[in-house]
Amino acid sequence: MLNLVMEWLKDKGGIAKVEKINDMKSEAIYELIDRSDFYKSPIDPASRSKMNVVYRLPSEELEAEFLKEAKKVGLVGLKGHRSVGGIRASIYNAMPMRGVEILVDFMNSFEAKNA
């Protein structure tokens, strides 16, 4: 298994390249959150994860609707941790940039309809 992961990393351009891609993925979501009055990150910017981007919407009802609508367009696994709620986008190494772009587009659209 380790060999397969190492081959995958090598095929992607190495650890430094994958790190840059991961930075771009998390920055795309955090930039949207930071400029929005609709989405809020409960995490101090200095402590934010690049792999699990967590955020809240104005109400738990809107979060439930967000998850329902997201599922309709193929965005699944976004429900936050069972003890804290919210939304959690897990964007580990294998998540392509295109997946993040689809999420960001959906977030913009959902905000436009519900803000």
Foldseek 3Di string as FASTA:
>chain_A
DVVVVQVVQVVCPHDVNLVVQLVVLQCLVVVLQVVDPFKHFPDDPVPDDSFKGFIAGPDVVLQVVLQVVCVVVPNDPQFDDPVPTGGIDGQPSVRGSVNSVVVSVSVVVSVVVPD
